[in-house]
N, C-alpha and C. Protein backbone atom coordinates (compact mmCIF):
# COMPACT_ATOMS: atom_id res chain seq x y z
N MET A 1 25.94 -0.40 5.78
CA MET A 1 24.80 0.40 6.33
C MET A 1 23.46 -0.31 6.17
N LYS A 2 22.68 -0.25 7.17
CA LYS A 2 21.36 -0.97 7.05
C LYS A 2 20.43 -0.15 6.09
N PRO A 3 19.58 -0.81 5.38
CA PRO A 3 18.72 -0.05 4.44
C PRO A 3 17.63 0.83 5.16
N ILE A 4 17.25 1.83 4.52
CA ILE A 4 16.08 2.70 4.95
C ILE A 4 14.84 1.99 4.51
N LEU A 5 13.89 1.87 5.33
CA LEU A 5 12.66 1.10 5.08
C LEU A 5 11.46 2.01 4.88
N ILE A 6 10.94 1.85 3.71
CA ILE A 6 9.66 2.67 3.32
C ILE A 6 8.56 1.70 3.07
N PHE A 7 7.46 1.97 3.71
CA PHE A 7 6.30 1.03 3.66
C PHE A 7 5.17 1.73 2.95
N ASP A 8 4.44 0.94 2.09
CA ASP A 8 3.08 1.32 1.62
C ASP A 8 2.18 1.13 2.89
N PHE A 9 1.02 1.71 2.81
CA PHE A 9 0.12 1.64 3.98
C PHE A 9 -1.01 0.62 3.76
N ASP A 10 -1.96 0.94 2.97
CA ASP A 10 -3.07 0.06 2.76
C ASP A 10 -2.72 -1.29 2.11
N GLY A 11 -3.08 -2.35 2.86
CA GLY A 11 -2.77 -3.70 2.38
C GLY A 11 -1.44 -4.20 2.75
N THR A 12 -0.55 -3.30 3.21
CA THR A 12 0.76 -3.66 3.67
C THR A 12 0.87 -3.58 5.14
N ILE A 13 0.63 -2.40 5.73
CA ILE A 13 0.65 -2.25 7.16
C ILE A 13 -0.75 -2.56 7.68
N ALA A 14 -1.73 -1.85 7.10
CA ALA A 14 -3.16 -2.04 7.47
C ALA A 14 -3.84 -3.20 6.68
N ASP A 15 -4.51 -3.99 7.46
CA ASP A 15 -5.26 -5.09 6.76
C ASP A 15 -6.55 -4.50 6.30
N SER A 16 -6.48 -3.78 5.15
CA SER A 16 -7.65 -2.98 4.71
C SER A 16 -8.21 -3.49 3.45
N LYS A 17 -7.98 -4.61 3.00
CA LYS A 17 -8.55 -5.18 1.77
C LYS A 17 -10.09 -5.24 1.87
N GLY A 18 -10.52 -5.79 2.99
CA GLY A 18 -11.98 -5.83 3.19
C GLY A 18 -12.63 -4.45 3.23
N LEU A 19 -11.99 -3.54 3.85
CA LEU A 19 -12.58 -2.14 3.89
C LEU A 19 -12.54 -1.53 2.54
N ALA A 20 -11.52 -1.85 1.70
CA ALA A 20 -11.47 -1.26 0.35
C ALA A 20 -12.66 -1.76 -0.49
N VAL A 21 -12.93 -3.07 -0.31
CA VAL A 21 -14.13 -3.64 -1.06
C VAL A 21 -15.41 -2.99 -0.60
N GLN A 22 -15.56 -2.86 0.73
CA GLN A 22 -16.70 -2.19 1.30
C GLN A 22 -16.91 -0.73 0.74
N LEU A 23 -15.82 0.01 0.78
CA LEU A 23 -15.94 1.39 0.36
C LEU A 23 -16.24 1.51 -1.14
N PHE A 24 -15.58 0.59 -1.93
CA PHE A 24 -15.82 0.53 -3.32
C PHE A 24 -17.37 0.21 -3.59
N ASN A 25 -17.86 -0.81 -2.94
CA ASN A 25 -19.22 -1.18 -3.13
C ASN A 25 -20.23 -0.11 -2.76
N GLU A 26 -19.86 0.68 -1.78
CA GLU A 26 -20.77 1.78 -1.40
C GLU A 26 -20.87 2.81 -2.48
N LEU A 27 -19.82 2.92 -3.34
CA LEU A 27 -19.80 4.02 -4.31
C LEU A 27 -19.88 3.49 -5.79
N ALA A 28 -19.83 2.15 -5.96
CA ALA A 28 -19.68 1.68 -7.29
C ALA A 28 -20.80 2.13 -8.29
N VAL A 29 -22.01 1.99 -7.85
CA VAL A 29 -23.12 2.39 -8.82
C VAL A 29 -23.09 3.85 -9.12
N LYS A 30 -22.75 4.75 -8.14
CA LYS A 30 -22.74 6.13 -8.31
C LYS A 30 -21.77 6.49 -9.47
N PHE A 31 -20.62 5.77 -9.52
CA PHE A 31 -19.59 5.98 -10.50
C PHE A 31 -19.70 5.10 -11.78
N GLY A 32 -20.85 4.53 -11.95
CA GLY A 32 -21.10 3.82 -13.23
C GLY A 32 -20.72 2.38 -13.19
N GLY A 33 -20.27 1.76 -12.00
CA GLY A 33 -19.72 0.48 -12.04
C GLY A 33 -20.76 -0.46 -11.27
N ARG A 34 -20.24 -1.66 -11.00
CA ARG A 34 -21.04 -2.65 -10.28
C ARG A 34 -20.32 -3.12 -8.97
N ARG A 35 -20.96 -3.63 -8.06
CA ARG A 35 -20.49 -4.13 -6.79
C ARG A 35 -19.56 -5.32 -7.05
N ILE A 36 -18.64 -5.49 -6.14
CA ILE A 36 -17.70 -6.58 -6.09
C ILE A 36 -18.40 -7.74 -5.31
N GLU A 37 -18.46 -8.91 -5.96
CA GLU A 37 -18.99 -10.05 -5.24
C GLU A 37 -17.89 -10.79 -4.56
N GLU A 38 -18.19 -11.25 -3.35
CA GLU A 38 -17.10 -11.88 -2.52
C GLU A 38 -16.39 -13.03 -3.28
N ALA A 39 -17.15 -13.75 -4.07
CA ALA A 39 -16.58 -14.90 -4.75
C ALA A 39 -15.50 -14.52 -5.76
N GLU A 40 -15.50 -13.26 -6.25
CA GLU A 40 -14.61 -12.91 -7.29
C GLU A 40 -13.42 -12.06 -6.83
N ILE A 41 -13.31 -11.91 -5.52
CA ILE A 41 -12.18 -11.08 -4.96
C ILE A 41 -10.83 -11.69 -5.34
N GLY A 42 -10.70 -13.01 -5.29
CA GLY A 42 -9.49 -13.70 -5.58
C GLY A 42 -9.16 -13.46 -7.10
N LYS A 43 -10.14 -13.57 -7.91
CA LYS A 43 -9.85 -13.40 -9.39
C LYS A 43 -9.37 -11.96 -9.67
N LEU A 44 -10.12 -10.93 -9.02
CA LEU A 44 -9.74 -9.57 -9.21
C LEU A 44 -8.34 -9.25 -8.77
N SER A 45 -7.86 -9.92 -7.69
CA SER A 45 -6.58 -9.64 -7.16
C SER A 45 -5.43 -9.96 -8.17
N GLY A 46 -5.77 -10.82 -9.17
CA GLY A 46 -4.75 -11.18 -10.15
C GLY A 46 -4.78 -10.23 -11.34
N LEU A 47 -5.59 -9.14 -11.35
CA LEU A 47 -5.66 -8.24 -12.48
C LEU A 47 -5.01 -6.93 -12.09
N SER A 48 -4.43 -6.25 -13.14
CA SER A 48 -3.96 -4.90 -12.84
C SER A 48 -5.16 -3.96 -12.58
N VAL A 49 -4.80 -2.79 -12.13
CA VAL A 49 -5.84 -1.79 -11.76
C VAL A 49 -6.77 -1.46 -12.98
N PRO A 50 -6.18 -1.16 -14.14
CA PRO A 50 -7.03 -0.92 -15.31
C PRO A 50 -7.90 -2.04 -15.67
N ASP A 51 -7.37 -3.28 -15.65
CA ASP A 51 -8.18 -4.45 -15.98
C ASP A 51 -9.22 -4.72 -14.93
N ARG A 52 -8.90 -4.47 -13.68
CA ARG A 52 -9.88 -4.62 -12.54
C ARG A 52 -11.04 -3.60 -12.77
N LEU A 53 -10.76 -2.45 -13.07
CA LEU A 53 -11.78 -1.44 -13.30
C LEU A 53 -12.61 -1.76 -14.49
N LYS A 54 -12.02 -2.29 -15.59
CA LYS A 54 -12.81 -2.77 -16.71
C LYS A 54 -13.75 -3.88 -16.36
N ALA A 55 -13.33 -4.82 -15.56
CA ALA A 55 -14.16 -5.94 -15.15
C ALA A 55 -15.36 -5.38 -14.28
N LEU A 56 -15.06 -4.34 -13.55
CA LEU A 56 -16.09 -3.76 -12.70
C LEU A 56 -16.92 -2.69 -13.31
N HIS A 57 -16.69 -2.40 -14.59
CA HIS A 57 -17.43 -1.43 -15.43
C HIS A 57 -17.26 0.00 -14.92
N VAL A 58 -16.06 0.30 -14.33
CA VAL A 58 -15.87 1.74 -13.91
C VAL A 58 -14.89 2.36 -14.96
N PRO A 59 -15.26 3.38 -15.56
CA PRO A 59 -14.44 4.05 -16.48
C PRO A 59 -13.16 4.57 -15.78
N LEU A 60 -12.02 4.44 -16.35
CA LEU A 60 -10.70 4.82 -15.71
C LEU A 60 -10.72 6.28 -15.33
N PHE A 61 -11.32 7.22 -16.18
CA PHE A 61 -11.32 8.64 -15.83
C PHE A 61 -12.11 8.96 -14.61
N LYS A 62 -13.03 8.07 -14.20
CA LYS A 62 -13.79 8.29 -12.92
C LYS A 62 -13.13 7.86 -11.72
N LEU A 63 -11.96 7.14 -11.84
CA LEU A 63 -11.29 6.60 -10.69
C LEU A 63 -10.78 7.66 -9.70
N PRO A 64 -10.19 8.78 -10.15
CA PRO A 64 -9.70 9.75 -9.16
C PRO A 64 -10.83 10.27 -8.26
N ALA A 65 -12.02 10.57 -8.83
CA ALA A 65 -13.16 11.05 -8.10
C ALA A 65 -13.68 10.04 -7.10
N LEU A 66 -13.69 8.76 -7.58
CA LEU A 66 -14.16 7.65 -6.74
C LEU A 66 -13.24 7.55 -5.44
N LEU A 67 -11.91 7.58 -5.81
CA LEU A 67 -10.95 7.41 -4.69
C LEU A 67 -11.07 8.61 -3.69
N LEU A 68 -11.22 9.82 -4.23
CA LEU A 68 -11.33 10.99 -3.31
C LEU A 68 -12.48 10.84 -2.39
N GLU A 69 -13.60 10.36 -2.92
CA GLU A 69 -14.81 10.15 -2.00
C GLU A 69 -14.57 9.01 -1.01
N ALA A 70 -13.93 7.91 -1.50
CA ALA A 70 -13.68 6.77 -0.62
C ALA A 70 -12.76 7.21 0.53
N LYS A 71 -11.74 8.10 0.23
CA LYS A 71 -10.86 8.55 1.26
C LYS A 71 -11.55 9.37 2.35
N ARG A 72 -12.59 10.10 1.91
CA ARG A 72 -13.39 10.94 2.85
C ARG A 72 -14.10 10.02 3.86
N ASN A 73 -14.59 8.86 3.31
CA ASN A 73 -15.30 7.92 4.16
C ASN A 73 -14.40 6.94 5.01
N TYR A 74 -13.09 7.02 4.66
CA TYR A 74 -12.23 5.98 5.22
C TYR A 74 -12.02 6.11 6.72
N LYS A 75 -11.87 7.42 7.18
CA LYS A 75 -11.47 7.65 8.56
C LYS A 75 -12.46 7.03 9.56
N GLN A 76 -13.78 7.32 9.26
CA GLN A 76 -14.82 6.78 10.11
C GLN A 76 -14.85 5.26 10.12
N ALA A 77 -14.63 4.69 8.89
CA ALA A 77 -14.85 3.26 8.72
C ALA A 77 -13.64 2.52 9.27
N ALA A 78 -12.50 3.27 9.42
CA ALA A 78 -11.23 2.58 9.76
C ALA A 78 -11.08 2.37 11.29
N VAL A 79 -12.01 2.76 12.11
CA VAL A 79 -11.89 2.64 13.56
C VAL A 79 -11.54 1.23 13.97
N SER A 80 -12.27 0.28 13.28
CA SER A 80 -12.04 -1.16 13.66
C SER A 80 -10.92 -1.80 12.85
N LEU A 81 -10.22 -1.08 12.01
CA LEU A 81 -9.21 -1.61 11.12
C LEU A 81 -7.99 -2.03 11.94
N GLN A 82 -7.41 -3.24 11.65
CA GLN A 82 -6.30 -3.73 12.35
C GLN A 82 -5.05 -3.85 11.50
N PRO A 83 -3.91 -3.84 12.11
CA PRO A 83 -2.68 -4.08 11.31
C PRO A 83 -2.67 -5.54 10.71
N ALA A 84 -2.04 -5.64 9.59
CA ALA A 84 -1.90 -6.93 8.98
C ALA A 84 -1.15 -7.79 9.93
N ASP A 85 -1.47 -9.16 9.82
CA ASP A 85 -0.91 -10.20 10.79
C ASP A 85 0.59 -10.15 10.87
N GLY A 86 1.04 -9.86 12.14
CA GLY A 86 2.46 -9.83 12.42
C GLY A 86 3.14 -8.50 12.20
N MET A 87 2.50 -7.50 11.56
CA MET A 87 3.10 -6.30 11.13
C MET A 87 3.35 -5.33 12.38
N LYS A 88 2.41 -5.26 13.33
CA LYS A 88 2.63 -4.38 14.46
C LYS A 88 3.88 -4.82 15.26
N GLU A 89 4.01 -6.12 15.49
CA GLU A 89 5.17 -6.64 16.24
C GLU A 89 6.46 -6.34 15.47
N LEU A 90 6.47 -6.54 14.15
CA LEU A 90 7.61 -6.29 13.35
C LEU A 90 7.99 -4.78 13.36
N LEU A 91 7.04 -3.90 13.18
CA LEU A 91 7.36 -2.46 13.17
C LEU A 91 7.84 -1.98 14.51
N LEU A 92 7.28 -2.46 15.59
CA LEU A 92 7.75 -2.11 16.89
C LEU A 92 9.13 -2.59 17.16
N ALA A 93 9.49 -3.77 16.67
CA ALA A 93 10.81 -4.36 16.85
C ALA A 93 11.84 -3.55 16.04
N LEU A 94 11.46 -3.27 14.79
CA LEU A 94 12.35 -2.40 13.97
C LEU A 94 12.65 -1.08 14.54
N LYS A 95 11.60 -0.50 15.17
CA LYS A 95 11.83 0.86 15.87
C LYS A 95 12.79 0.67 17.03
N GLU A 96 12.64 -0.42 17.73
CA GLU A 96 13.56 -0.68 18.87
C GLU A 96 14.97 -0.83 18.43
N GLU A 97 15.16 -1.31 17.23
CA GLU A 97 16.48 -1.50 16.62
C GLU A 97 17.04 -0.17 16.08
N GLY A 98 16.23 0.90 16.12
CA GLY A 98 16.74 2.16 15.71
C GLY A 98 16.66 2.39 14.15
N ARG A 99 15.87 1.55 13.43
CA ARG A 99 15.81 1.62 12.05
C ARG A 99 15.11 2.98 11.59
N THR A 100 15.56 3.47 10.48
CA THR A 100 14.89 4.66 9.80
C THR A 100 13.69 4.02 8.97
N MET A 101 12.49 4.60 9.24
CA MET A 101 11.36 4.00 8.53
C MET A 101 10.37 5.22 8.17
N GLY A 102 9.72 5.05 6.98
CA GLY A 102 8.82 6.01 6.55
C GLY A 102 7.62 5.27 5.90
N ILE A 103 6.60 6.06 5.63
CA ILE A 103 5.38 5.57 4.87
C ILE A 103 5.28 6.37 3.60
N LEU A 104 5.02 5.74 2.54
CA LEU A 104 4.64 6.42 1.25
C LEU A 104 3.39 5.77 0.73
N SER A 105 2.34 6.51 0.65
CA SER A 105 1.05 5.99 0.31
C SER A 105 0.16 6.99 -0.44
N SER A 106 -0.77 6.44 -1.19
CA SER A 106 -1.73 7.31 -1.91
C SER A 106 -2.95 7.67 -0.94
N ASN A 107 -2.99 7.05 0.22
CA ASN A 107 -4.00 7.52 1.24
C ASN A 107 -3.56 8.80 1.82
N THR A 108 -4.47 9.51 2.54
CA THR A 108 -4.15 10.78 3.09
C THR A 108 -3.30 10.62 4.45
N ALA A 109 -2.44 11.61 4.62
CA ALA A 109 -1.66 11.55 5.87
C ALA A 109 -2.54 11.55 7.08
N GLU A 110 -3.70 12.19 7.08
CA GLU A 110 -4.64 12.27 8.14
C GLU A 110 -5.21 10.88 8.47
N ASN A 111 -5.55 10.14 7.42
CA ASN A 111 -6.12 8.78 7.63
C ASN A 111 -4.99 7.83 8.21
N ILE A 112 -3.82 7.99 7.64
CA ILE A 112 -2.76 7.14 8.17
C ILE A 112 -2.35 7.35 9.61
N ARG A 113 -2.24 8.71 9.89
CA ARG A 113 -1.81 8.97 11.30
C ARG A 113 -2.95 8.62 12.23
N HIS A 114 -4.20 8.69 11.93
CA HIS A 114 -5.28 8.24 12.64
C HIS A 114 -5.24 6.77 13.01
N PHE A 115 -4.88 5.95 11.96
CA PHE A 115 -4.80 4.53 12.16
C PHE A 115 -3.55 4.25 13.08
N LEU A 116 -2.41 4.97 12.79
CA LEU A 116 -1.23 4.73 13.61
C LEU A 116 -1.48 5.03 15.09
N ASP A 117 -2.17 6.14 15.38
CA ASP A 117 -2.53 6.53 16.77
C ASP A 117 -3.40 5.47 17.39
N LEU A 118 -4.39 5.05 16.67
CA LEU A 118 -5.41 4.06 17.23
C LEU A 118 -4.65 2.76 17.58
N ASN A 119 -3.61 2.42 16.89
CA ASN A 119 -2.95 1.12 17.03
C ASN A 119 -1.57 1.16 17.69
N GLY A 120 -1.28 2.29 18.34
CA GLY A 120 -0.02 2.40 19.02
C GLY A 120 1.25 2.17 18.22
N LEU A 121 1.24 2.77 16.96
CA LEU A 121 2.34 2.58 16.03
C LEU A 121 3.01 3.91 15.63
N ASP A 122 3.35 4.66 16.71
CA ASP A 122 4.17 5.89 16.48
C ASP A 122 5.61 5.54 16.34
N VAL A 123 5.85 4.88 15.12
CA VAL A 123 7.30 4.36 14.97
C VAL A 123 7.94 4.93 13.71
N PHE A 124 7.22 5.78 12.97
CA PHE A 124 7.75 6.21 11.64
C PHE A 124 8.41 7.62 11.72
N ASP A 125 9.47 7.78 10.93
CA ASP A 125 10.09 9.11 10.93
C ASP A 125 9.41 10.08 10.03
N PHE A 126 8.57 9.63 9.13
CA PHE A 126 7.73 10.51 8.31
C PHE A 126 6.60 9.74 7.65
N VAL A 127 5.60 10.46 7.20
CA VAL A 127 4.56 9.87 6.37
C VAL A 127 4.41 10.84 5.15
N HIS A 128 4.67 10.26 3.97
CA HIS A 128 4.62 11.00 2.70
C HIS A 128 3.35 10.55 1.89
N SER A 129 2.46 11.44 1.71
CA SER A 129 1.19 11.18 1.02
C SER A 129 1.33 11.63 -0.41
N ALA A 130 0.96 10.75 -1.34
CA ALA A 130 1.02 11.09 -2.77
C ALA A 130 -0.31 10.68 -3.44
N THR A 131 -0.95 11.60 -4.14
CA THR A 131 -2.27 11.39 -4.65
C THR A 131 -2.36 10.82 -6.06
N ASN A 132 -1.25 10.81 -6.82
CA ASN A 132 -1.20 10.29 -8.16
C ASN A 132 -1.22 8.78 -8.21
N LEU A 133 -2.27 8.15 -8.64
CA LEU A 133 -2.48 6.71 -8.54
C LEU A 133 -1.44 6.08 -9.44
N PHE A 134 -1.20 6.58 -10.67
CA PHE A 134 -0.35 5.88 -11.63
C PHE A 134 1.01 6.57 -11.71
N GLY A 135 1.36 7.48 -10.80
CA GLY A 135 2.69 8.07 -10.80
C GLY A 135 3.44 7.90 -9.55
N LYS A 136 3.46 6.64 -9.06
CA LYS A 136 4.07 6.42 -7.79
C LYS A 136 5.60 6.47 -7.85
N ASP A 137 6.15 6.29 -9.07
CA ASP A 137 7.62 6.45 -9.24
C ASP A 137 8.01 7.98 -9.00
N LYS A 138 7.10 8.85 -9.47
CA LYS A 138 7.37 10.20 -9.20
C LYS A 138 7.19 10.53 -7.73
N ALA A 139 6.27 9.92 -7.10
CA ALA A 139 6.11 10.11 -5.58
C ALA A 139 7.31 9.55 -4.86
N ILE A 140 7.92 8.49 -5.34
CA ILE A 140 9.15 7.97 -4.67
C ILE A 140 10.29 9.00 -4.82
N ARG A 141 10.44 9.47 -6.04
CA ARG A 141 11.55 10.45 -6.26
C ARG A 141 11.27 11.74 -5.41
N SER A 142 10.05 12.22 -5.37
CA SER A 142 9.69 13.37 -4.57
C SER A 142 10.05 13.18 -3.10
N MET A 143 9.68 11.88 -2.55
CA MET A 143 9.96 11.53 -1.17
C MET A 143 11.51 11.57 -1.02
N LEU A 144 12.28 11.07 -1.94
CA LEU A 144 13.70 10.99 -1.78
C LEU A 144 14.30 12.43 -1.67
N ARG A 145 13.76 13.31 -2.51
CA ARG A 145 14.23 14.66 -2.45
C ARG A 145 13.84 15.35 -1.16
N THR A 146 12.61 15.24 -0.78
CA THR A 146 12.02 15.92 0.40
C THR A 146 12.78 15.49 1.67
N HIS A 147 13.12 14.21 1.80
CA HIS A 147 13.71 13.75 3.02
C HIS A 147 15.18 13.44 2.85
N SER A 148 15.83 13.87 1.73
CA SER A 148 17.19 13.69 1.48
C SER A 148 17.69 12.31 1.71
N LEU A 149 16.96 11.39 1.00
CA LEU A 149 17.29 9.90 1.12
C LEU A 149 17.96 9.39 -0.18
N PRO A 150 19.00 8.55 -0.01
CA PRO A 150 19.67 8.01 -1.16
C PRO A 150 18.92 6.79 -1.68
N ALA A 151 18.68 6.78 -3.02
CA ALA A 151 17.82 5.66 -3.57
C ALA A 151 18.51 4.32 -3.40
N ASP A 152 19.83 4.26 -3.31
CA ASP A 152 20.45 2.95 -3.27
C ASP A 152 20.39 2.37 -1.81
N ARG A 153 19.91 3.09 -0.92
CA ARG A 153 19.72 2.53 0.46
C ARG A 153 18.27 2.18 0.83
N ILE A 154 17.30 2.41 -0.20
CA ILE A 154 15.88 2.28 0.13
C ILE A 154 15.46 0.88 -0.22
N VAL A 155 14.63 0.30 0.73
CA VAL A 155 13.83 -0.89 0.39
C VAL A 155 12.32 -0.45 0.55
N TYR A 156 11.59 -0.53 -0.48
CA TYR A 156 10.12 -0.18 -0.43
C TYR A 156 9.30 -1.45 -0.28
N VAL A 157 8.45 -1.45 0.70
CA VAL A 157 7.66 -2.66 0.97
C VAL A 157 6.18 -2.35 0.48
N GLY A 158 5.67 -3.05 -0.44
CA GLY A 158 4.29 -2.78 -0.92
C GLY A 158 3.65 -4.04 -1.35
N ASP A 159 2.29 -3.87 -1.62
CA ASP A 159 1.54 -5.08 -1.90
C ASP A 159 0.86 -5.08 -3.27
N GLU A 160 1.22 -4.06 -4.09
CA GLU A 160 0.56 -3.91 -5.37
C GLU A 160 1.51 -3.94 -6.55
N LEU A 161 1.05 -4.37 -7.65
CA LEU A 161 1.84 -4.29 -8.91
C LEU A 161 2.44 -2.92 -9.17
N ARG A 162 1.65 -1.87 -8.94
CA ARG A 162 2.13 -0.47 -9.26
C ARG A 162 3.27 -0.14 -8.33
N ASP A 163 3.31 -0.71 -7.15
CA ASP A 163 4.43 -0.44 -6.17
C ASP A 163 5.75 -0.91 -6.79
N VAL A 164 5.67 -2.23 -7.20
CA VAL A 164 6.88 -2.88 -7.76
C VAL A 164 7.33 -2.12 -9.01
N GLU A 165 6.37 -1.80 -9.90
CA GLU A 165 6.76 -1.16 -11.09
C GLU A 165 7.40 0.18 -10.86
N ALA A 166 6.80 0.95 -9.82
CA ALA A 166 7.27 2.23 -9.48
C ALA A 166 8.78 2.15 -8.93
N CYS A 167 8.96 1.20 -8.19
CA CYS A 167 10.33 0.93 -7.58
C CYS A 167 11.32 0.71 -8.76
N ARG A 168 10.94 -0.09 -9.71
CA ARG A 168 11.84 -0.42 -10.86
C ARG A 168 12.24 0.91 -11.58
N ARG A 169 11.17 1.78 -11.84
CA ARG A 169 11.43 2.97 -12.49
C ARG A 169 12.26 4.02 -11.69
N ALA A 170 12.10 3.98 -10.38
CA ALA A 170 12.72 4.99 -9.50
C ALA A 170 14.14 4.46 -9.00
N GLY A 171 14.48 3.23 -9.28
CA GLY A 171 15.77 2.71 -8.92
C GLY A 171 15.94 2.38 -7.42
N VAL A 172 14.86 1.94 -6.78
CA VAL A 172 14.97 1.42 -5.45
C VAL A 172 14.50 0.03 -5.37
N LYS A 173 14.98 -0.67 -4.36
CA LYS A 173 14.61 -2.10 -4.14
C LYS A 173 13.15 -2.30 -3.68
N ALA A 174 12.57 -3.33 -4.15
CA ALA A 174 11.12 -3.58 -3.85
C ALA A 174 10.94 -4.90 -3.17
N ALA A 175 10.31 -4.86 -2.03
CA ALA A 175 9.85 -6.07 -1.35
C ALA A 175 8.33 -6.18 -1.38
N ALA A 176 7.90 -7.19 -2.23
CA ALA A 176 6.42 -7.39 -2.41
C ALA A 176 5.92 -8.33 -1.37
N VAL A 177 4.79 -7.94 -0.73
CA VAL A 177 4.11 -8.77 0.26
C VAL A 177 2.78 -9.24 -0.33
N THR A 178 2.50 -10.49 0.02
CA THR A 178 1.33 -11.17 -0.70
C THR A 178 0.06 -11.13 0.06
N TRP A 179 0.02 -10.48 1.21
CA TRP A 179 -1.15 -10.46 2.02
C TRP A 179 -2.09 -9.27 1.70
N GLY A 180 -1.81 -8.49 0.68
CA GLY A 180 -2.53 -7.27 0.48
C GLY A 180 -3.53 -7.42 -0.67
N PHE A 181 -3.48 -6.43 -1.60
CA PHE A 181 -4.48 -6.32 -2.66
C PHE A 181 -4.15 -7.20 -3.86
N ASP A 182 -2.91 -7.37 -4.27
CA ASP A 182 -2.62 -7.99 -5.46
C ASP A 182 -2.07 -9.46 -5.27
N SER A 183 -2.34 -10.32 -6.16
CA SER A 183 -1.94 -11.74 -6.02
C SER A 183 -0.43 -11.89 -6.10
N GLU A 184 0.05 -12.99 -5.53
CA GLU A 184 1.50 -13.28 -5.61
C GLU A 184 1.91 -13.43 -7.02
N GLU A 185 1.13 -14.05 -7.85
CA GLU A 185 1.50 -14.25 -9.33
C GLU A 185 1.65 -12.89 -9.98
N LEU A 186 0.74 -11.95 -9.78
CA LEU A 186 0.84 -10.63 -10.35
C LEU A 186 2.05 -9.88 -9.94
N LEU A 187 2.32 -9.98 -8.62
CA LEU A 187 3.47 -9.22 -7.99
C LEU A 187 4.88 -9.86 -8.62
N ALA A 188 4.92 -11.18 -8.60
CA ALA A 188 6.15 -11.87 -8.95
C ALA A 188 6.43 -11.57 -10.41
N GLY A 189 5.44 -11.44 -11.30
CA GLY A 189 5.59 -11.18 -12.65
C GLY A 189 6.30 -9.87 -12.96
N ALA A 190 6.20 -8.89 -11.99
CA ALA A 190 6.85 -7.56 -12.19
C ALA A 190 8.31 -7.52 -11.75
N GLY A 191 8.77 -8.62 -11.16
CA GLY A 191 10.22 -8.78 -10.82
C GLY A 191 10.60 -8.03 -9.59
N PRO A 192 10.03 -8.13 -8.51
CA PRO A 192 10.43 -7.51 -7.22
C PRO A 192 11.78 -8.08 -6.78
N ASP A 193 12.48 -7.45 -5.93
CA ASP A 193 13.72 -7.99 -5.36
C ASP A 193 13.41 -9.10 -4.40
N TYR A 194 12.37 -8.98 -3.72
CA TYR A 194 11.88 -9.98 -2.74
C TYR A 194 10.46 -10.13 -2.79
N VAL A 195 9.96 -11.38 -2.52
CA VAL A 195 8.52 -11.71 -2.31
C VAL A 195 8.37 -12.35 -0.98
N CYS A 196 7.55 -11.76 -0.18
CA CYS A 196 7.33 -12.23 1.24
C CYS A 196 5.91 -12.61 1.44
N ARG A 197 5.69 -13.82 1.93
CA ARG A 197 4.33 -14.30 2.19
C ARG A 197 3.90 -14.09 3.65
N THR A 198 4.83 -13.80 4.56
CA THR A 198 4.47 -13.61 6.00
C THR A 198 5.39 -12.41 6.48
N ALA A 199 4.88 -11.89 7.66
CA ALA A 199 5.72 -10.84 8.30
C ALA A 199 7.09 -11.42 8.77
N GLU A 200 7.10 -12.64 9.11
CA GLU A 200 8.35 -13.31 9.45
C GLU A 200 9.34 -13.30 8.32
N GLN A 201 8.88 -13.64 7.13
CA GLN A 201 9.73 -13.60 5.94
C GLN A 201 10.16 -12.22 5.65
N LEU A 202 9.31 -11.25 5.79
CA LEU A 202 9.66 -9.85 5.59
C LEU A 202 10.74 -9.38 6.57
N ALA A 203 10.60 -9.78 7.81
CA ALA A 203 11.56 -9.45 8.84
C ALA A 203 12.89 -9.89 8.45
N ALA A 204 13.02 -11.18 8.02
CA ALA A 204 14.33 -11.72 7.52
C ALA A 204 14.91 -10.90 6.44
N VAL A 205 14.11 -10.43 5.49
CA VAL A 205 14.57 -9.65 4.29
C VAL A 205 15.05 -8.29 4.82
N LEU A 206 14.26 -7.59 5.70
CA LEU A 206 14.62 -6.26 6.11
C LEU A 206 15.82 -6.16 7.04
N ARG A 207 16.07 -7.27 7.65
CA ARG A 207 17.29 -7.34 8.56
C ARG A 207 18.48 -7.85 7.89
């Protein structure tokens, strides 16, 4: 049986790293932090979320409120957002093959569906939104229960350390992609089942 494919959204399907930096910088001072300088984006991508926040002087307890406000601003800013390189073609091809596909993301379902509509990507069987930033393994288990999915048939595609760690805890396979938020070194250190640098490599893994 072919695996059931679950995708993270931001940084995996949507090329939203630049938008994330923009939204963070718009809110950083309000939440006690400092703006991200372009020259340090690469360095920050090699840090875990708590270490990244520490470097940016944002207290961890303020992160949920910061993210909530950023999500409110996301929809308007995302009009010009594009799919990550090669992902639209891959997703359309997988749909043509009749694959079962879903999205699990901490972004809102409204924002995700808005992006999918704008980019002609009505290819997913479901969108599952989870708001707990550090409880993605619980979100995976909730998704499995809600949609009656067997864990041993799932491949979760994500771009962050927390995605890989959540997959390990939830007992599903993880395909880490390197074009999103976290560096390849950070991702590889968590022990994903696959590491993919391009959409072509991801296609080979998912097939």
